[in-house]
Amino acid sequence: MAGLMKLACLVLACMIVAGPITSNAALSCGTVSGYVAPCIGYLAQGAPALPRACCSGVTSLNNLARTTPDRQQACRCLVGAANAFPTLNAARAAGLPKACGVNIPYKISKTTNCNSVK
């Protein structure tokens, strides 16, 4: 539990730093992290099952990111969060949208070029 709290604090710190970078987007990293927070245990701590709340959040986030700037901002927030998690399971992160039945125009990874997202 303490590890999860440290992880959440680290994500929040990354969001505060990255938030002002793309002011044209309506989505903030705080919003993005709120939607994907239920996924942390699955992505970083090896929880055996994908929580329903995680997929609900991923779906809601996808529905909010309708414009190119919003999709790019969501991507940047996810990449920043991925880079902040030393225990991130890269395969689970990359497969998360498909596992939730959501189609996003980029791969969730530490190396995604969010500027190419349309």
Protein backbone atom coordinates (compact mmCIF):
# COMPACT_ATOMS: atom_id res chain seq x y z
CA MET A 1 0.00 0.00 0.00
CA ALA A 2 2.85 2.41 0.81
CA GLY A 3 4.41 1.64 -2.58
CA LEU A 4 1.15 2.46 -4.33
CA MET A 5 0.95 5.78 -2.51
CA LYS A 6 4.52 6.65 -3.51
CA LEU A 7 3.69 5.73 -7.09
CA ALA A 8 0.59 7.94 -7.07
CA CYS A 9 2.62 10.86 -5.67
CA LEU A 10 5.24 10.39 -8.37
CA VAL A 11 2.58 10.45 -11.10
CA LEU A 12 1.07 13.59 -9.60
CA ALA A 13 4.47 15.30 -9.57
CA CYS A 14 5.01 14.40 -13.24
CA MET A 15 1.59 15.77 -14.11
CA ILE A 16 2.29 19.07 -12.39
CA VAL A 17 5.53 19.44 -14.36
CA ALA A 18 4.12 18.32 -17.71
CA GLY A 19 0.75 20.05 -17.43
CA PRO A 20 1.78 23.51 -18.64
CA ILE A 21 3.67 22.15 -21.67
CA THR A 22 0.58 21.85 -23.85
CA SER A 23 -1.86 24.55 -22.91
CA ASN A 24 -3.92 24.23 -26.14
CA ALA A 25 -5.34 20.91 -25.01
CA ALA A 26 -8.46 20.80 -22.86
CA LEU A 27 -7.25 17.68 -21.04
CA SER A 28 -4.86 18.02 -18.14
CA CYS A 29 -2.54 15.32 -16.88
CA GLY A 30 -4.56 15.41 -13.66
CA THR A 31 -7.65 14.43 -15.63
CA VAL A 32 -5.78 11.73 -17.52
CA SER A 33 -4.30 10.26 -14.35
CA GLY A 34 -7.68 10.25 -12.67
CA TYR A 35 -9.06 8.06 -15.43
CA VAL A 36 -6.15 5.62 -15.48
CA ALA A 37 -5.49 5.50 -11.72
CA PRO A 38 -7.50 2.26 -11.32
CA CYS A 39 -5.02 0.63 -13.74
CA ILE A 40 -1.91 1.20 -11.60
CA GLY A 41 -2.04 -2.11 -9.75
CA TYR A 42 -2.48 -4.01 -12.99
CA LEU A 43 0.23 -2.13 -14.88
CA ALA A 44 2.89 -1.69 -12.23
CA GLN A 45 2.29 -4.22 -9.52
CA GLY A 46 1.30 -7.30 -11.47
CA ALA A 47 -2.30 -7.63 -10.31
CA PRO A 48 -3.60 -10.78 -12.00
CA ALA A 49 -6.87 -9.34 -13.30
CA LEU A 50 -7.64 -6.17 -15.20
CA PRO A 51 -9.99 -4.12 -13.00
CA ARG A 52 -13.32 -3.14 -14.51
CA ALA A 53 -12.77 0.43 -13.22
CA CYS A 54 -9.55 0.58 -15.24
CA CYS A 55 -11.32 -0.19 -18.51
CA SER A 56 -14.12 2.19 -17.61
CA GLY A 57 -11.53 4.93 -17.12
CA VAL A 58 -9.67 4.12 -20.34
CA THR A 59 -12.94 4.20 -22.27
CA SER A 60 -13.99 7.52 -20.70
CA LEU A 61 -10.60 9.05 -21.40
CA ASN A 62 -10.77 7.93 -25.03
CA ASN A 63 -14.23 9.49 -25.33
CA LEU A 64 -12.91 12.80 -23.95
CA ALA A 65 -9.89 12.98 -26.25
CA ARG A 66 -11.73 13.96 -29.43
CA THR A 67 -9.35 16.53 -30.91
CA THR A 68 -5.76 16.11 -32.05
CA PRO A 69 -4.43 18.40 -29.25
CA ASP A 70 -6.39 16.40 -26.66
CA ARG A 71 -5.13 13.06 -28.01
CA GLN A 72 -1.56 14.39 -28.04
CA GLN A 73 -1.92 15.69 -24.49
CA ALA A 74 -3.37 12.41 -23.24
CA CYS A 75 -0.48 10.63 -24.96
CA ARG A 76 2.10 12.93 -23.33
CA CYS A 77 0.55 12.39 -19.92
CA LEU A 78 0.55 8.62 -20.39
CA VAL A 79 4.15 8.59 -21.64
CA GLY A 80 5.20 10.76 -18.69
CA ALA A 81 3.43 8.44 -16.28
CA ALA A 82 4.98 5.38 -17.95
CA ASN A 83 8.44 6.88 -17.58
CA ALA A 84 7.75 7.60 -13.91
CA PHE A 85 6.95 3.95 -13.15
CA PRO A 86 10.09 1.87 -12.76
CA THR A 87 7.98 -1.28 -12.29
CA LEU A 88 5.74 -0.70 -15.30
CA ASN A 89 4.91 -3.84 -17.22
CA ALA A 90 5.49 -2.55 -20.76
CA ALA A 91 3.54 -5.35 -22.44
CA ARG A 92 0.49 -4.75 -20.24
CA ALA A 93 0.69 -0.99 -20.86
CA ALA A 94 0.89 -1.45 -24.63
CA GLY A 95 -1.97 -3.96 -24.57
CA LEU A 96 -4.23 -2.03 -22.20
CA PRO A 97 -6.43 -0.33 -24.83
CA LYS A 98 -7.04 -3.60 -26.68
CA ALA A 99 -7.69 -5.46 -23.42
CA CYS A 100 -10.34 -2.84 -22.64
CA GLY A 101 -11.81 -2.92 -26.15
CA VAL A 102 -10.71 0.63 -26.94
CA ASN A 103 -8.94 1.73 -30.10
CA ILE A 104 -6.48 4.59 -29.58
CA PRO A 105 -4.21 5.97 -32.32
CA TYR A 106 -0.94 5.33 -30.48
CA LYS A 107 0.85 2.76 -28.38
CA ILE A 108 1.13 3.36 -24.64
CA SER A 109 4.85 3.11 -24.08
CA LYS A 110 7.79 5.02 -22.68
CA THR A 111 8.99 5.88 -26.20
CA THR A 112 5.82 6.92 -28.04
CA ASN A 113 6.22 10.08 -30.15
CA CYS A 114 3.08 11.97 -29.16
CA ASN A 115 3.71 14.69 -31.73
CA SER A 116 2.81 12.21 -34.46
CA VAL A 117 -0.60 11.42 -32.92
CA LYS A 118 -3.47 12.74 -35.04
